[in-house]
Amino acid sequence: MVTDRTRWMERLSRWLIKASAKGIPVLGICFGHQIIAQTFGGKVDFHPQGKELGMVNILLTPAGQADPLFVGLEKTFRQPCAHSQSALKLPAGAILLAL
């Protein structure tokens, strides 16, 4: 859980800050989106609807549909998922590509 704030997560947060300062783009998926959100001032906590486990529908936002990373994907697709926590509030400047 990102909210555990272990030492290795603190080191990762420092690395993310340095990468950002150098203009290196970072994509966060699952734990990645949580640690990025927490590092840059977002809010991470337990998912309001409880644990997500199994195949879930992913919906690309308009920004996600326009992003080259998702070229060729349908607007909605299914992916396996297993998590209890999520970024509940994104940090300023973050771009939400999918939900």
N, C-alpha and C. Protein backbone atom coordinates (compact mmCIF):
# COMPACT_ATOMS: atom_id res chain seq x y z
N MET A 1 0.84 -1.18 0.00
CA MET A 1 0.00 0.00 0.00
C MET A 1 0.89 1.25 0.00
N VAL A 2 0.60 2.15 -0.89
CA VAL A 2 1.37 3.39 -0.98
C VAL A 2 1.32 4.16 0.34
N THR A 3 0.21 4.06 1.03
CA THR A 3 0.08 4.79 2.30
C THR A 3 0.96 4.22 3.40
N ASP A 4 1.61 3.07 3.17
CA ASP A 4 2.56 2.53 4.15
C ASP A 4 3.83 3.37 4.22
N ARG A 5 4.15 4.05 3.15
CA ARG A 5 5.31 4.95 3.08
C ARG A 5 6.60 4.31 3.59
N THR A 6 6.95 3.19 3.00
CA THR A 6 8.19 2.50 3.38
C THR A 6 9.41 3.26 2.84
N ARG A 7 10.59 2.87 3.30
CA ARG A 7 11.81 3.56 2.88
C ARG A 7 12.03 3.47 1.37
N TRP A 8 11.76 2.30 0.79
CA TRP A 8 12.00 2.18 -0.64
C TRP A 8 11.03 3.07 -1.42
N MET A 9 9.82 3.26 -0.90
CA MET A 9 8.86 4.15 -1.55
C MET A 9 9.32 5.60 -1.45
N GLU A 10 9.90 5.96 -0.32
CA GLU A 10 10.43 7.32 -0.16
C GLU A 10 11.56 7.56 -1.15
N ARG A 11 12.44 6.54 -1.34
CA ARG A 11 13.51 6.67 -2.33
C ARG A 11 12.93 6.82 -3.74
N LEU A 12 11.91 6.03 -4.03
CA LEU A 12 11.25 6.12 -5.34
C LEU A 12 10.64 7.51 -5.55
N SER A 13 10.03 8.05 -4.51
CA SER A 13 9.44 9.40 -4.61
C SER A 13 10.52 10.44 -4.93
N ARG A 14 11.67 10.32 -4.28
CA ARG A 14 12.76 11.27 -4.57
C ARG A 14 13.23 11.13 -6.03
N TRP A 15 13.28 9.89 -6.52
CA TRP A 15 13.68 9.66 -7.90
C TRP A 15 12.65 10.27 -8.86
N LEU A 16 11.38 10.10 -8.55
CA LEU A 16 10.32 10.67 -9.40
C LEU A 16 10.42 12.19 -9.47
N ILE A 17 10.73 12.82 -8.35
CA ILE A 17 10.89 14.28 -8.32
C ILE A 17 12.06 14.70 -9.21
N LYS A 18 13.16 13.96 -9.14
CA LYS A 18 14.32 14.27 -9.99
C LYS A 18 13.98 14.05 -11.47
N ALA A 19 13.29 12.98 -11.78
CA ALA A 19 12.91 12.70 -13.18
C ALA A 19 12.01 13.81 -13.70
N SER A 20 11.07 14.25 -12.89
CA SER A 20 10.17 15.32 -13.29
C SER A 20 10.94 16.62 -13.54
N ALA A 21 11.89 16.92 -12.68
CA ALA A 21 12.69 18.13 -12.83
C ALA A 21 13.49 18.12 -14.13
N LYS A 22 13.83 16.92 -14.62
CA LYS A 22 14.57 16.78 -15.88
C LYS A 22 13.64 16.72 -17.09
N GLY A 23 12.33 16.78 -16.85
CA GLY A 23 11.37 16.74 -17.95
C GLY A 23 11.11 15.35 -18.49
N ILE A 24 11.44 14.33 -17.74
CA ILE A 24 11.23 12.95 -18.18
C ILE A 24 9.76 12.59 -17.94
N PRO A 25 9.02 12.22 -18.99
CA PRO A 25 7.61 11.85 -18.80
C PRO A 25 7.51 10.55 -18.01
N VAL A 26 6.50 10.45 -17.17
CA VAL A 26 6.30 9.25 -16.34
C VAL A 26 4.84 8.83 -16.46
N LEU A 27 4.63 7.56 -16.73
CA LEU A 27 3.30 6.98 -16.79
C LEU A 27 3.12 6.09 -15.57
N GLY A 28 2.03 6.28 -14.86
CA GLY A 28 1.76 5.45 -13.69
C GLY A 28 0.56 4.56 -13.89
N ILE A 29 0.76 3.27 -13.72
CA ILE A 29 -0.33 2.29 -13.80
C ILE A 29 -0.34 1.52 -12.49
N CYS A 30 -1.50 1.35 -11.91
CA CYS A 30 -1.70 0.62 -10.67
C CYS A 30 -0.88 1.28 -9.54
N PHE A 31 0.08 0.57 -8.94
CA PHE A 31 0.88 1.18 -7.88
C PHE A 31 1.56 2.45 -8.39
N GLY A 32 1.96 2.45 -9.65
CA GLY A 32 2.64 3.61 -10.23
C GLY A 32 1.82 4.88 -10.17
N HIS A 33 0.53 4.79 -10.47
CA HIS A 33 -0.29 6.01 -10.43
C HIS A 33 -0.47 6.47 -8.99
N GLN A 34 -0.46 5.53 -8.07
CA GLN A 34 -0.62 5.89 -6.66
C GLN A 34 0.63 6.61 -6.13
N ILE A 35 1.81 6.07 -6.41
CA ILE A 35 3.05 6.69 -5.89
C ILE A 35 3.30 8.04 -6.56
N ILE A 36 2.96 8.16 -7.84
CA ILE A 36 3.11 9.44 -8.53
C ILE A 36 2.16 10.46 -7.91
N ALA A 37 0.91 10.08 -7.71
CA ALA A 37 -0.06 11.01 -7.12
C ALA A 37 0.39 11.45 -5.74
N GLN A 38 0.80 10.51 -4.90
CA GLN A 38 1.23 10.85 -3.54
C GLN A 38 2.46 11.75 -3.56
N THR A 39 3.42 11.43 -4.41
CA THR A 39 4.67 12.19 -4.48
C THR A 39 4.43 13.65 -4.84
N PHE A 40 3.50 13.90 -5.75
CA PHE A 40 3.31 15.25 -6.26
C PHE A 40 2.10 15.98 -5.70
N GLY A 41 1.61 15.51 -4.56
CA GLY A 41 0.59 16.27 -3.85
C GLY A 41 -0.84 15.82 -4.05
N GLY A 42 -1.06 14.69 -4.70
CA GLY A 42 -2.40 14.14 -4.83
C GLY A 42 -2.79 13.42 -3.54
N LYS A 43 -3.93 12.77 -3.58
CA LYS A 43 -4.41 12.04 -2.41
C LYS A 43 -4.63 10.58 -2.78
N VAL A 44 -4.01 9.68 -2.01
CA VAL A 44 -4.16 8.24 -2.20
C VAL A 44 -4.77 7.66 -0.93
N ASP A 45 -5.77 6.82 -1.11
CA ASP A 45 -6.38 6.14 0.04
C ASP A 45 -7.16 4.94 -0.50
N PHE A 46 -7.88 4.29 0.39
CA PHE A 46 -8.63 3.11 -0.01
C PHE A 46 -9.71 3.48 -1.01
N HIS A 47 -9.87 2.62 -1.99
CA HIS A 47 -10.84 2.81 -3.07
C HIS A 47 -12.24 2.92 -2.47
N PRO A 48 -13.00 3.97 -2.81
CA PRO A 48 -14.33 4.20 -2.21
C PRO A 48 -15.31 3.04 -2.40
N GLN A 49 -15.19 2.31 -3.51
CA GLN A 49 -16.10 1.19 -3.75
C GLN A 49 -15.53 -0.14 -3.27
N GLY A 50 -14.45 -0.09 -2.50
CA GLY A 50 -13.84 -1.31 -2.00
C GLY A 50 -12.81 -1.88 -2.96
N LYS A 51 -12.32 -3.04 -2.63
CA LYS A 51 -11.27 -3.71 -3.40
C LYS A 51 -11.77 -4.03 -4.80
N GLU A 52 -10.92 -3.79 -5.80
CA GLU A 52 -11.21 -4.19 -7.17
C GLU A 52 -10.35 -5.41 -7.48
N LEU A 53 -11.00 -6.47 -7.92
CA LEU A 53 -10.29 -7.71 -8.19
C LEU A 53 -10.95 -8.40 -9.38
N GLY A 54 -10.16 -8.75 -10.36
CA GLY A 54 -10.67 -9.42 -11.54
C GLY A 54 -10.65 -8.51 -12.76
N MET A 55 -11.46 -8.83 -13.73
CA MET A 55 -11.51 -8.04 -14.96
C MET A 55 -12.40 -6.82 -14.75
N VAL A 56 -11.88 -5.65 -15.10
CA VAL A 56 -12.65 -4.41 -14.95
C VAL A 56 -12.64 -3.65 -16.28
N ASN A 57 -13.65 -2.83 -16.47
CA ASN A 57 -13.72 -1.98 -17.65
C ASN A 57 -12.84 -0.76 -17.44
N ILE A 58 -12.02 -0.45 -18.41
CA ILE A 58 -11.18 0.74 -18.42
C ILE A 58 -11.75 1.67 -19.48
N LEU A 59 -11.96 2.91 -19.12
CA LEU A 59 -12.51 3.90 -20.04
C LEU A 59 -11.45 4.97 -20.32
N LEU A 60 -11.08 5.12 -21.57
CA LEU A 60 -10.14 6.18 -21.94
C LEU A 60 -10.85 7.52 -21.88
N THR A 61 -10.20 8.48 -21.27
CA THR A 61 -10.71 9.84 -21.28
C THR A 61 -10.43 10.44 -22.66
N PRO A 62 -10.99 11.61 -22.98
CA PRO A 62 -10.63 12.25 -24.25
C PRO A 62 -9.11 12.44 -24.41
N ALA A 63 -8.43 12.78 -23.32
CA ALA A 63 -6.96 12.92 -23.39
C ALA A 63 -6.31 11.57 -23.68
N GLY A 64 -6.83 10.52 -23.08
CA GLY A 64 -6.31 9.18 -23.34
C GLY A 64 -6.54 8.73 -24.76
N GLN A 65 -7.71 9.06 -25.30
CA GLN A 65 -8.01 8.70 -26.69
C GLN A 65 -7.08 9.41 -27.66
N ALA A 66 -6.61 10.60 -27.29
CA ALA A 66 -5.73 11.38 -28.16
C ALA A 66 -4.25 11.05 -27.94
N ASP A 67 -3.93 10.30 -26.89
CA ASP A 67 -2.54 10.01 -26.56
C ASP A 67 -2.00 8.88 -27.44
N PRO A 68 -0.80 9.05 -28.01
CA PRO A 68 -0.22 8.02 -28.87
C PRO A 68 -0.03 6.67 -28.16
N LEU A 69 0.06 6.67 -26.85
CA LEU A 69 0.23 5.44 -26.09
C LEU A 69 -0.92 4.46 -26.31
N PHE A 70 -2.12 4.99 -26.53
CA PHE A 70 -3.30 4.15 -26.64
C PHE A 70 -3.84 3.99 -28.06
N VAL A 71 -3.04 4.34 -29.05
CA VAL A 71 -3.46 4.22 -30.45
C VAL A 71 -3.89 2.77 -30.72
N GLY A 72 -5.04 2.63 -31.34
CA GLY A 72 -5.53 1.31 -31.71
C GLY A 72 -6.43 0.65 -30.68
N LEU A 73 -6.51 1.21 -29.49
CA LEU A 73 -7.40 0.65 -28.47
C LEU A 73 -8.80 1.23 -28.59
N GLU A 74 -9.76 0.44 -28.22
CA GLU A 74 -11.13 0.92 -28.14
C GLU A 74 -11.25 1.92 -26.99
N LYS A 75 -12.29 2.73 -27.01
CA LYS A 75 -12.51 3.70 -25.94
C LYS A 75 -12.68 3.00 -24.59
N THR A 76 -13.32 1.85 -24.60
CA THR A 76 -13.49 1.04 -23.39
C THR A 76 -12.90 -0.34 -23.65
N PHE A 77 -12.11 -0.83 -22.71
CA PHE A 77 -11.55 -2.18 -22.83
C PHE A 77 -11.44 -2.80 -21.44
N ARG A 78 -11.27 -4.12 -21.40
CA ARG A 78 -11.21 -4.83 -20.12
C ARG A 78 -9.77 -5.19 -19.80
N GLN A 79 -9.43 -5.07 -18.51
CA GLN A 79 -8.09 -5.38 -18.03
C GLN A 79 -8.19 -6.07 -16.67
N PRO A 80 -7.24 -6.94 -16.35
CA PRO A 80 -7.22 -7.52 -15.01
C PRO A 80 -6.80 -6.45 -14.00
N CYS A 81 -7.33 -6.55 -12.81
CA CYS A 81 -7.09 -5.53 -11.79
C CYS A 81 -7.08 -6.19 -10.41
N ALA A 82 -6.21 -5.69 -9.54
CA ALA A 82 -6.19 -6.17 -8.15
C ALA A 82 -5.61 -5.05 -7.29
N HIS A 83 -6.48 -4.28 -6.64
CA HIS A 83 -5.99 -3.22 -5.76
C HIS A 83 -7.07 -2.80 -4.78
N SER A 84 -6.59 -2.27 -3.65
CA SER A 84 -7.49 -1.74 -2.62
C SER A 84 -7.43 -0.23 -2.56
N GLN A 85 -6.30 0.33 -3.01
CA GLN A 85 -6.12 1.78 -2.95
C GLN A 85 -6.08 2.37 -4.35
N SER A 86 -6.35 3.66 -4.41
CA SER A 86 -6.37 4.38 -5.68
C SER A 86 -6.04 5.84 -5.43
N ALA A 87 -5.65 6.53 -6.48
CA ALA A 87 -5.47 7.98 -6.38
C ALA A 87 -6.86 8.60 -6.38
N LEU A 88 -7.24 9.18 -5.27
CA LEU A 88 -8.56 9.79 -5.15
C LEU A 88 -8.57 11.21 -5.65
N LYS A 89 -7.40 11.86 -5.64
CA LYS A 89 -7.25 13.22 -6.17
C LYS A 89 -5.90 13.29 -6.85
N LEU A 90 -5.90 13.70 -8.12
CA LEU A 90 -4.64 13.82 -8.85
C LEU A 90 -3.92 15.10 -8.48
N PRO A 91 -2.60 15.09 -8.57
CA PRO A 91 -1.85 16.32 -8.31
C PRO A 91 -2.08 17.34 -9.43
N ALA A 92 -1.84 18.58 -9.13
CA ALA A 92 -1.97 19.65 -10.13
C ALA A 92 -1.07 19.31 -11.33
N GLY A 93 -1.62 19.48 -12.53
CA GLY A 93 -0.85 19.25 -13.75
C GLY A 93 -0.89 17.82 -14.26
N ALA A 94 -1.43 16.89 -13.48
CA ALA A 94 -1.52 15.50 -13.94
C ALA A 94 -2.58 15.40 -15.03
N ILE A 95 -2.37 14.49 -15.95
CA ILE A 95 -3.32 14.26 -17.03
C ILE A 95 -3.91 12.87 -16.85
N LEU A 96 -5.19 12.80 -16.62
CA LEU A 96 -5.89 11.53 -16.47
C LEU A 96 -6.17 10.96 -17.85
N LEU A 97 -5.58 9.80 -18.13
CA LEU A 97 -5.73 9.18 -19.44
C LEU A 97 -6.83 8.12 -19.46
N ALA A 98 -7.08 7.49 -18.33
CA ALA A 98 -8.10 6.43 -18.29
C ALA A 98 -8.63 6.30 -16.87
N LEU A 99 -9.83 5.73 -16.78
CA LEU A 99 -10.41 5.43 -15.47
C LEU A 99 -11.16 4.13 -15.55
